[in-house]
Amino acid sequence: MRRLWNALALGGFCALVLSWGTSAQAALPIQSWTAPSGALVLFVESHDLPMLDVSVELPAGSARDTPSSSGLANLTLRLMRLGANGMDEDEIARRLADIGANLNASFDVDRAGYTLRTLSSDAEQREALAVMSRVLQAPSFPTAVLEREKSRVIAGLKEADSKPDIIASRTFARLVFRDHPYALRATGEPDTVATLTRDNVVDFYRAHYPAKRAVVAIMGDVTRERAAEIAEQLTRDLPQTSATLAPLPPPKPLEAPIERDIEHPSAQSHVLIGQPGVARSDPDYFPLLVGNHILGGGGMTSRLYEQVRERRGLSYSVYSIFIPFQQPGPFQVGLQTRRDQAQDAVSVVRKVLTDFVADGPTAAELDAAKQNLIGGFALRIDSNQKILGYLAVIGFYRLPLDYLDTFTTRIENVTLEQIRDAFARHVEANRLATVVVGAPAPK
């Protein structure tokens, strides 16, 4: 999950609307079109390496579960590559290994799908795409494999439930999102996973994997014509539906501060503090991104690091992050500290956050944050796989095609007033959810 959050935190978004049948005239020329299957395609052609990276994602993440079916979205995706169109899981693995290709699942609250990396040479490319095509469009969901995977998931959940960081994350999500789908654990709960049947999985697949909702991202050593063939090959036999996907509701803001102190025999207390934050479509994202870099996203240069670590030695590290989804995801501050220092650390975090929301950053802090973010941006797009990840985000959230090319300009244009206004709208420092796992036992 942290890998995802790192990507999402810098992914950004904007309210600008584009025509998706055009190409962006930019340093990174993203071509986009709608395939005959109805899927949206984003493509960057690059012949620098003999590699092809492809992803297919759909709005089939864990937010499409219900409390009684929690874990169904994850289990459906997990099973797709464990049997498809006459191939069992061993054959799928062998065929990919024989050509040195990697096929990996991608999953979060909003999205689910698969990402392929293969050599672009004709034989290897076609074999890898044939396997991916069958996994996506003809999963068999064998009953025996389903029962085995359910047992594995349940065992993993029970083991995870003893870990303080997992306990903190679960409790935090429930406090922040309550009855919203974002409160559900992505992998489900032991009792809900145990009840899932093959019919549940098949029904979820048919309802949530239609071609018209697919986003195909293609990056690498193929032509535009070949990219069009690939996109159609991977989506033409996905389920068809005339149903409209119901939009997710926005989470409700917290009405009052909430705190949970949970005893645990861990050596340190695990602390999470936050509330619902911001959605992908919110134009405040760039002011929040720059402001959060100053607050707690900039590592050793952030205010939280200075006040919690440097001045008081309360934690080895501390961070803050906005995690934007289709609806507002969490704004979160996290740290670990000695059990006897937990409440002191919480108090310092609250004070720093309250002051930052009230006063905003200084001009010197803003200049330093801009230099850091702009100077480091090239590292975010220095590989085909990183660019593929951005293509998937741009397509899924309907961001402008020139998003990557205008990123640094948007950072440069952020003002002190914009940061203050954005934080005032999105962070209520007097309505925070606070979780401390490993809190000292009451005296």
Protein backbone atom coordinates (compact mmCIF):
# COMPACT_ATOMS: atom_id res chain seq x y z
CA MET A 1 0.00 0.00 0.00
CA ARG A 2 2.84 2.43 0.75
CA ARG A 3 4.18 1.88 -2.78
CA LEU A 4 0.83 2.95 -4.12
CA TRP A 5 0.62 5.97 -1.83
CA ASN A 6 4.04 7.20 -2.93
CA ALA A 7 2.90 7.08 -6.55
CA LEU A 8 -0.46 8.67 -5.86
CA ALA A 9 0.96 11.43 -3.72
CA LEU A 10 2.90 12.87 -6.67
CA GLY A 11 0.40 11.75 -9.30
CA GLY A 12 -1.59 14.95 -8.96
CA PHE A 13 -4.70 16.00 -10.80
CA CYS A 14 -6.45 18.96 -12.39
CA ALA A 15 -10.02 19.87 -13.34
CA LEU A 16 -9.09 20.65 -16.94
CA VAL A 17 -11.21 18.72 -19.49
CA LEU A 18 -9.67 17.46 -22.73
CA SER A 19 -10.78 15.72 -25.87
CA TRP A 20 -9.49 12.17 -25.62
CA GLY A 21 -9.21 11.65 -29.36
CA THR A 22 -6.20 13.96 -29.72
CA SER A 23 -2.49 13.84 -29.04
CA ALA A 24 -0.74 16.20 -26.64
CA GLN A 25 1.90 18.29 -28.38
CA ALA A 26 4.54 18.02 -25.68
CA ALA A 27 7.98 16.75 -24.80
CA LEU A 28 6.42 13.44 -23.81
CA PRO A 29 3.93 12.91 -26.65
CA ILE A 30 1.02 10.92 -25.26
CA GLN A 31 -1.32 9.61 -27.93
CA SER A 32 -4.85 8.72 -26.89
CA TRP A 33 -7.86 7.14 -28.55
CA THR A 34 -10.86 4.93 -27.90
CA ALA A 35 -10.45 1.36 -29.10
CA PRO A 36 -13.28 -0.40 -31.00
CA SER A 37 -13.94 -2.35 -27.79
CA GLY A 38 -14.72 0.93 -26.02
CA ALA A 39 -11.53 0.97 -23.93
CA LEU A 40 -9.58 4.20 -23.48
CA VAL A 41 -5.97 3.88 -24.70
CA LEU A 42 -2.92 6.00 -23.82
CA PHE A 43 0.33 5.34 -25.66
CA VAL A 44 3.89 6.66 -25.67
CA GLU A 45 6.13 5.34 -28.44
CA SER A 46 9.79 4.87 -27.53
CA HIS A 47 12.38 2.74 -29.32
CA ASP A 48 15.26 3.45 -26.93
CA LEU A 49 14.91 0.01 -25.32
CA PRO A 50 13.66 -3.27 -26.83
CA MET A 51 10.93 -3.43 -24.17
CA LEU A 52 7.16 -3.18 -24.05
CA ASP A 53 5.17 -2.22 -20.94
CA VAL A 54 1.40 -2.56 -20.94
CA SER A 55 -1.29 -2.17 -18.30
CA VAL A 56 -5.05 -2.69 -18.32
CA GLU A 57 -6.97 -1.24 -15.38
CA LEU A 58 -10.65 -0.95 -14.50
CA PRO A 59 -12.70 0.64 -11.70
CA ALA A 60 -12.84 -2.65 -9.81
CA GLY A 61 -10.96 -1.81 -6.60
CA SER A 62 -11.91 -2.60 -3.03
CA ALA A 63 -14.37 0.32 -2.85
CA ARG A 64 -16.65 -1.84 -5.03
CA ASP A 65 -16.97 -4.35 -2.19
CA THR A 66 -19.68 -4.22 0.44
CA PRO A 67 -19.23 -4.88 4.17
CA SER A 68 -20.56 -8.40 3.70
CA SER A 69 -18.41 -9.10 0.61
CA SER A 70 -15.20 -7.42 1.77
CA GLY A 71 -12.27 -9.01 -0.04
CA LEU A 72 -14.23 -10.00 -3.17
CA ALA A 73 -12.58 -7.47 -5.49
CA ASN A 74 -9.11 -8.55 -4.38
CA LEU A 75 -9.92 -12.26 -4.63
CA THR A 76 -11.35 -11.84 -8.13
CA LEU A 77 -8.20 -10.14 -9.39
CA ARG A 78 -5.97 -12.65 -7.59
CA LEU A 79 -7.71 -15.62 -9.23
CA MET A 80 -7.62 -14.28 -12.77
CA ARG A 81 -4.00 -15.29 -13.33
CA LEU A 82 -4.44 -18.68 -11.62
CA GLY A 83 -6.43 -20.24 -14.45
CA ALA A 84 -7.60 -18.94 -17.82
CA ASN A 85 -8.99 -20.43 -21.03
CA GLY A 86 -7.55 -23.91 -20.60
CA MET A 87 -4.32 -22.79 -18.90
CA ASP A 88 -3.76 -23.60 -15.25
CA GLU A 89 -1.59 -21.44 -13.03
CA ASP A 90 1.53 -23.51 -13.67
CA GLU A 91 1.22 -23.15 -17.42
CA ILE A 92 0.64 -19.42 -17.15
CA ALA A 93 3.74 -19.06 -14.99
CA ARG A 94 5.82 -21.31 -17.25
CA ARG A 95 4.87 -19.55 -20.47
CA LEU A 96 5.75 -16.17 -19.01
CA ALA A 97 9.01 -17.46 -17.51
CA ASP A 98 10.07 -19.02 -20.81
CA ILE A 99 10.13 -15.60 -22.48
CA GLY A 100 11.29 -13.61 -19.45
CA ALA A 101 8.02 -11.66 -19.14
CA ASN A 102 6.47 -10.36 -15.93
CA LEU A 103 2.71 -10.15 -15.35
CA ASN A 104 1.73 -8.46 -12.09
CA ALA A 105 -1.57 -7.45 -10.53
CA SER A 106 -2.22 -3.84 -9.53
CA PHE A 107 -4.91 -3.04 -6.96
CA ASP A 108 -6.14 -0.23 -4.74
CA VAL A 109 -9.46 1.18 -3.54
CA ASP A 110 -10.35 2.57 -6.99
CA ARG A 111 -8.51 0.43 -9.56
CA ALA A 112 -7.73 -3.18 -10.39
CA GLY A 113 -5.86 -4.70 -13.31
CA TYR A 114 -2.68 -6.25 -14.65
CA THR A 115 0.66 -4.89 -15.84
CA LEU A 116 2.90 -6.69 -18.32
CA ARG A 117 6.59 -6.17 -19.07
CA THR A 118 8.11 -8.09 -21.97
CA LEU A 119 10.73 -7.90 -24.67
CA SER A 120 9.38 -6.15 -27.75
CA SER A 121 10.77 -8.74 -30.18
CA ASP A 122 7.94 -10.28 -32.17
CA ALA A 123 7.89 -13.82 -30.78
CA GLU A 124 8.26 -12.81 -27.12
CA GLN A 125 5.83 -9.91 -27.41
CA ARG A 126 3.09 -11.96 -29.03
CA GLU A 127 3.42 -14.84 -26.58
CA ALA A 128 3.32 -12.52 -23.56
CA LEU A 129 0.30 -10.64 -24.90
CA ALA A 130 -1.49 -13.90 -25.68
CA VAL A 131 -1.13 -14.96 -22.04
CA MET A 132 -2.19 -11.57 -20.71
CA SER A 133 -5.17 -11.52 -23.06
CA ARG A 134 -6.44 -14.84 -21.78
CA VAL A 135 -5.89 -13.88 -18.14
CA LEU A 136 -7.88 -10.68 -18.59
CA GLN A 137 -10.67 -11.96 -20.82
CA ALA A 138 -11.14 -15.65 -20.08
CA PRO A 139 -10.41 -16.37 -16.40
CA SER A 140 -11.78 -19.76 -15.36
CA PHE A 141 -11.88 -19.26 -11.57
CA PRO A 142 -11.35 -22.95 -10.68
CA THR A 143 -13.23 -23.88 -7.52
CA ALA A 144 -10.33 -25.79 -5.98
CA VAL A 145 -7.99 -22.84 -6.53
CA LEU A 146 -10.60 -20.47 -5.10
CA GLU A 147 -10.83 -22.48 -1.86
CA ARG A 148 -7.05 -22.69 -1.58
CA GLU A 149 -6.61 -18.96 -2.12
CA LYS A 150 -9.35 -18.16 0.39
CA SER A 151 -7.44 -20.19 2.98
CA ARG A 152 -4.23 -18.36 2.14
CA VAL A 153 -5.88 -14.96 2.35
CA ILE A 154 -7.54 -15.78 5.67
CA ALA A 155 -4.28 -17.06 7.13
CA GLY A 156 -2.52 -13.89 6.00
CA LEU A 157 -5.23 -11.70 7.49
CA LYS A 158 -5.06 -13.43 10.85
CA GLU A 159 -1.29 -13.08 10.95
CA ALA A 160 -1.48 -9.41 9.93
CA ASP A 161 -4.03 -8.68 12.64
CA SER A 162 -1.37 -9.18 15.30
CA LYS A 163 0.97 -6.53 13.87
CA PRO A 164 0.80 -3.03 15.37
CA ASP A 165 1.15 -1.18 12.07
CA ILE A 166 -1.72 -3.16 10.54
CA ILE A 167 -3.89 -2.61 13.61
CA ALA A 168 -3.17 1.11 13.40
CA SER A 169 -3.97 1.31 9.67
CA ARG A 170 -7.23 -0.63 10.02
CA THR A 171 -8.40 1.40 12.99
CA PHE A 172 -7.45 4.67 11.32
CA ALA A 173 -9.41 3.81 8.14
CA ARG A 174 -12.49 2.89 10.16
CA LEU A 175 -12.36 6.09 12.20
CA VAL A 176 -11.76 8.36 9.20
CA PHE A 177 -14.16 6.75 6.72
CA ARG A 178 -16.67 4.96 8.97
CA ASP A 179 -19.46 3.60 6.72
CA HIS A 180 -17.77 4.69 3.46
CA PRO A 181 -16.35 1.95 1.17
CA TYR A 182 -12.85 3.37 1.69
CA ALA A 183 -13.06 2.06 5.26
CA LEU A 184 -13.10 -1.55 4.02
CA ARG A 185 -9.85 -3.50 4.18
CA ALA A 186 -8.67 -4.22 0.64
CA THR A 187 -8.02 -7.90 1.31
CA GLY A 188 -11.21 -8.35 3.30
CA GLU A 189 -11.88 -9.80 6.72
CA PRO A 190 -11.47 -13.47 7.68
CA ASP A 191 -15.22 -13.97 8.17
CA THR A 192 -16.23 -12.24 4.91
CA VAL A 193 -13.60 -13.97 2.77
CA ALA A 194 -14.70 -17.33 4.16
CA THR A 195 -18.21 -16.85 2.75
CA LEU A 196 -17.21 -15.92 -0.81
CA THR A 197 -18.20 -18.38 -3.54
CA ARG A 198 -17.27 -18.93 -7.16
CA ASP A 199 -20.60 -17.42 -8.20
CA ASN A 200 -19.71 -14.27 -6.25
CA VAL A 201 -16.38 -14.03 -8.08
CA VAL A 202 -17.89 -14.66 -11.53
CA ASP A 203 -20.64 -12.10 -10.93
CA PHE A 204 -18.14 -9.50 -9.73
CA TYR A 205 -15.94 -10.07 -12.78
CA ARG A 206 -18.84 -9.74 -15.21
CA ALA A 207 -20.13 -6.58 -13.52
CA HIS A 208 -16.82 -4.78 -12.99
CA TYR A 209 -14.57 -5.76 -15.92
CA PRO A 210 -16.44 -4.46 -18.99
CA ALA A 211 -14.41 -3.30 -21.96
CA LYS A 212 -15.95 0.17 -22.04
CA ARG A 213 -14.53 0.96 -18.58
CA ALA A 214 -11.02 -0.33 -19.28
CA VAL A 215 -8.00 1.96 -19.45
CA VAL A 216 -5.08 0.59 -21.48
CA ALA A 217 -1.64 2.16 -21.06
CA ILE A 218 1.12 1.21 -23.50
CA MET A 219 4.73 2.37 -23.29
CA GLY A 220 7.67 1.28 -25.40
CA ASP A 221 9.06 -0.22 -28.55
CA VAL A 222 6.01 -0.57 -30.81
CA THR A 223 4.38 1.60 -33.46
CA ARG A 224 1.05 3.41 -33.13
CA GLU A 225 -0.55 0.81 -35.40
CA ARG A 226 0.74 -2.08 -33.30
CA ALA A 227 -0.35 -0.35 -30.10
CA ALA A 228 -3.90 -0.14 -31.48
CA GLU A 229 -3.82 -3.88 -32.23
CA ILE A 230 -2.56 -4.63 -28.72
CA ALA A 231 -5.25 -2.55 -27.02
CA GLU A 232 -8.00 -4.24 -29.00
CA GLN A 233 -6.54 -7.71 -28.45
CA LEU A 234 -6.52 -7.18 -24.68
CA THR A 235 -10.05 -5.76 -24.38
CA ARG A 236 -12.34 -6.92 -27.20
CA ASP A 237 -13.52 -10.02 -25.30
CA LEU A 238 -13.95 -8.39 -21.92
CA PRO A 239 -17.54 -8.53 -20.61
CA GLN A 240 -20.07 -6.25 -22.22
CA THR A 241 -22.63 -4.30 -20.22
CA SER A 242 -25.04 -1.43 -20.69
CA ALA A 243 -25.09 -0.70 -16.97
CA THR A 244 -23.67 2.54 -15.66
CA LEU A 245 -21.21 2.26 -12.80
CA ALA A 246 -22.63 3.93 -9.72
CA PRO A 247 -20.41 6.78 -8.52
CA LEU A 248 -18.80 6.42 -5.12
CA PRO A 249 -20.25 8.73 -2.50
CA PRO A 250 -18.00 11.35 -0.91
CA PRO A 251 -16.90 10.49 2.64
CA LYS A 252 -18.45 12.54 5.39
CA PRO A 253 -16.19 14.95 7.25
CA LEU A 254 -15.42 14.20 10.87
CA GLU A 255 -17.77 16.01 13.20
CA ALA A 256 -15.44 15.96 16.20
CA PRO A 257 -11.97 14.73 17.17
CA ILE A 258 -11.72 10.97 17.75
CA GLU A 259 -8.93 9.13 19.57
CA ARG A 260 -8.25 5.42 20.05
CA ASP A 261 -5.50 4.17 22.34
CA ILE A 262 -4.91 0.46 21.79
CA GLU A 263 -2.67 -1.60 24.04
CA HIS A 264 -0.09 -3.76 22.30
CA PRO A 265 3.17 -5.37 23.48
CA SER A 266 5.17 -3.67 20.72
CA ALA A 267 8.42 -1.94 21.62
CA GLN A 268 7.15 1.33 20.14
CA SER A 269 3.84 3.08 19.76
CA HIS A 270 2.52 3.38 16.20
CA VAL A 271 0.71 6.69 15.69
CA LEU A 272 -1.59 7.79 12.85
CA ILE A 273 -3.39 11.14 12.81
CA GLY A 274 -5.66 12.53 10.09
CA GLN A 275 -9.02 12.88 8.38
CA PRO A 276 -10.58 12.74 4.87
CA GLY A 277 -8.40 14.80 2.56
CA VAL A 278 -8.79 15.49 -1.14
CA ALA A 279 -10.10 13.86 -4.34
CA ARG A 280 -8.26 13.38 -7.61
CA SER A 281 -10.44 15.91 -9.36
CA ASP A 282 -9.85 18.73 -6.88
CA PRO A 283 -7.97 21.74 -8.33
CA ASP A 284 -6.43 22.38 -4.91
CA TYR A 285 -4.08 19.45 -5.36
CA PHE A 286 -0.96 21.37 -6.37
CA PRO A 287 -1.17 23.88 -3.51
CA LEU A 288 -1.72 20.93 -1.15
CA LEU A 289 1.20 19.01 -2.66
CA VAL A 290 3.60 21.91 -2.23
CA GLY A 291 2.26 22.80 1.21
CA ASN A 292 2.45 19.22 2.40
CA HIS A 293 6.05 18.99 1.23
CA ILE A 294 6.79 21.78 3.69
CA LEU A 295 4.60 20.34 6.42
CA GLY A 296 5.72 16.70 6.44
CA GLY A 297 6.24 15.35 2.93
CA GLY A 298 9.73 16.70 2.41
CA GLY A 299 11.57 14.38 4.76
CA MET A 300 14.35 15.99 6.76
CA THR A 301 13.44 19.49 5.52
CA SER A 302 9.83 19.40 6.77
CA ARG A 303 8.38 21.19 9.78
CA LEU A 304 7.16 17.98 11.37
CA TYR A 305 10.62 16.43 11.10
CA GLU A 306 12.22 19.51 12.63
CA GLN A 307 9.80 19.74 15.55
CA VAL A 308 9.26 16.03 16.30
CA ARG A 309 12.69 14.58 15.50
CA GLU A 310 15.31 17.31 15.52
CA ARG A 311 14.16 19.49 18.39
CA ARG A 312 12.59 16.88 20.68
CA GLY A 313 13.92 13.49 19.60
CA LEU A 314 10.44 11.96 19.84
CA SER A 315 10.66 9.83 16.69
CA TYR A 316 13.22 8.61 14.19
CA SER A 317 10.99 9.79 11.35
CA VAL A 318 7.61 11.44 10.81
CA TYR A 319 5.65 12.11 7.61
CA SER A 320 2.42 13.63 6.31
CA ILE A 321 0.69 12.76 3.06
CA PHE A 322 -2.45 13.41 1.02
CA ILE A 323 -3.67 10.28 -0.77
CA PRO A 324 -6.14 11.35 -3.48
CA PHE A 325 -8.62 8.87 -4.88
CA GLN A 326 -11.79 9.19 -6.93
CA GLN A 327 -13.33 10.58 -3.76
CA PRO A 328 -11.28 12.25 -1.01
CA GLY A 329 -8.73 9.80 0.35
CA PRO A 330 -6.96 10.22 3.67
CA PHE A 331 -4.79 13.05 4.84
CA GLN A 332 -2.45 11.26 7.22
CA VAL A 333 0.41 11.97 9.60
CA GLY A 334 2.38 8.94 10.77
CA LEU A 335 5.22 8.18 13.16
CA GLN A 336 6.59 5.65 15.63
CA THR A 337 7.86 6.57 19.05
CA ARG A 338 8.68 5.19 22.49
CA ARG A 339 5.57 4.15 24.36
CA ASP A 340 6.14 6.67 27.13
CA GLN A 341 6.54 9.49 24.58
CA ALA A 342 3.44 8.79 22.47
CA GLN A 343 1.20 11.48 23.92
CA ASP A 344 3.99 14.06 23.76
CA ALA A 345 4.52 13.26 20.09
CA VAL A 346 0.79 13.51 19.36
CA SER A 347 0.64 16.89 21.06
CA VAL A 348 3.56 18.23 19.02
CA VAL A 349 2.05 17.00 15.74
CA ARG A 350 -1.28 18.65 16.54
CA LYS A 351 0.42 21.93 17.42
CA VAL A 352 2.52 21.96 14.24
CA LEU A 353 -0.51 21.14 12.10
CA THR A 354 -2.70 23.76 13.80
CA ASP A 355 -0.06 26.45 13.31
CA PHE A 356 0.52 25.48 9.69
CA VAL A 357 -3.18 25.61 8.82
CA ALA A 358 -3.52 28.98 10.55
CA ASP A 359 -0.41 30.68 9.20
CA GLY A 360 0.81 28.69 6.20
CA PRO A 361 4.47 28.44 5.19
CA THR A 362 7.07 31.18 4.92
CA ALA A 363 8.31 32.52 1.61
CA ALA A 364 11.68 30.84 2.19
CA GLU A 365 9.98 27.48 2.85
CA LEU A 366 7.92 27.83 -0.31
CA ASP A 367 10.96 28.60 -2.47
CA ALA A 368 12.87 25.62 -1.04
CA ALA A 369 9.92 23.26 -1.55
CA LYS A 370 9.49 24.33 -5.17
CA GLN A 371 13.18 23.81 -5.89
CA ASN A 372 13.09 20.37 -4.32
CA LEU A 373 9.93 19.20 -6.09
CA ILE A 374 10.93 20.59 -9.47
CA GLY A 375 14.50 19.37 -9.19
CA GLY A 376 13.41 15.86 -8.27
CA PHE A 377 10.63 15.46 -10.80
CA ALA A 378 12.87 14.05 -13.53
CA LEU A 379 13.49 11.01 -11.32
CA ARG A 380 9.74 10.30 -11.36
CA ILE A 381 9.71 9.67 -15.12
CA ASP A 382 13.17 8.22 -15.71
CA SER A 383 12.02 4.74 -16.76
CA ASN A 384 9.42 3.18 -19.04
CA GLN A 385 7.68 1.56 -16.09
CA LYS A 386 7.34 4.84 -14.21
CA ILE A 387 5.91 6.53 -17.29
CA LEU A 388 3.49 3.62 -17.74
CA GLY A 389 2.28 4.16 -14.19
CA TYR A 390 1.58 7.81 -14.93
CA LEU A 391 -0.21 6.92 -18.17
CA ALA A 392 -2.52 4.65 -16.20
CA VAL A 393 -3.25 7.39 -13.65
CA ILE A 394 -3.80 10.01 -16.36
CA GLY A 395 -6.20 7.73 -18.20
CA PHE A 396 -8.13 6.44 -15.22
CA TYR A 397 -8.69 9.84 -13.63
CA ARG A 398 -9.07 11.67 -16.95
CA LEU A 399 -6.19 14.04 -16.35
CA PRO A 400 -4.93 16.29 -19.15
CA LEU A 401 -2.64 14.59 -21.63
CA ASP A 402 0.04 17.24 -21.08
CA TYR A 403 -0.04 16.63 -17.32
CA LEU A 404 3.58 15.50 -17.04
CA ASP A 405 4.83 18.36 -19.20
CA THR A 406 3.03 21.05 -17.20
CA PHE A 407 3.77 19.54 -13.78
CA THR A 408 6.76 21.73 -12.93
CA THR A 409 4.99 24.86 -14.18
CA ARG A 410 2.05 24.13 -11.90
CA ILE A 411 4.43 23.71 -8.99
CA GLU A 412 6.23 26.96 -9.81
CA ASN A 413 2.93 28.86 -9.96
CA VAL A 414 1.77 27.88 -6.45
CA THR A 415 1.56 30.87 -4.10
CA LEU A 416 1.57 31.28 -0.33
CA GLU A 417 -2.05 32.40 -0.43
CA GLN A 418 -3.10 29.34 -2.43
CA ILE A 419 -1.48 27.04 0.12
CA ARG A 420 -3.15 28.77 3.05
CA ASP A 421 -6.54 28.72 1.30
CA ALA A 422 -6.22 25.06 0.27
CA PHE A 423 -5.24 23.88 3.74
CA ALA A 424 -8.05 25.94 5.28
CA ARG A 425 -10.52 24.15 3.00
CA HIS A 426 -9.18 20.62 3.37
CA VAL A 427 -7.66 20.28 6.86
CA GLU A 428 -9.59 20.89 10.06
CA ALA A 429 -6.98 20.61 12.78
CA ASN A 430 -9.62 20.47 15.50
CA ARG A 431 -11.35 17.43 13.95
CA LEU A 432 -8.64 14.79 13.70
CA ALA A 433 -8.79 11.05 14.12
CA THR A 434 -5.85 9.83 16.23
CA VAL A 435 -4.80 6.20 16.66
CA VAL A 436 -2.05 5.08 19.04
CA VAL A 437 -1.24 1.37 18.98
CA GLY A 438 1.16 0.36 21.72
CA ALA A 439 -0.13 2.99 24.09
CA PRO A 440 1.03 2.64 27.70
CA ALA A 441 -1.39 0.74 29.90
CA PRO A 442 -3.45 3.11 32.08
CA LYS A 443 -2.07 3.52 35.60
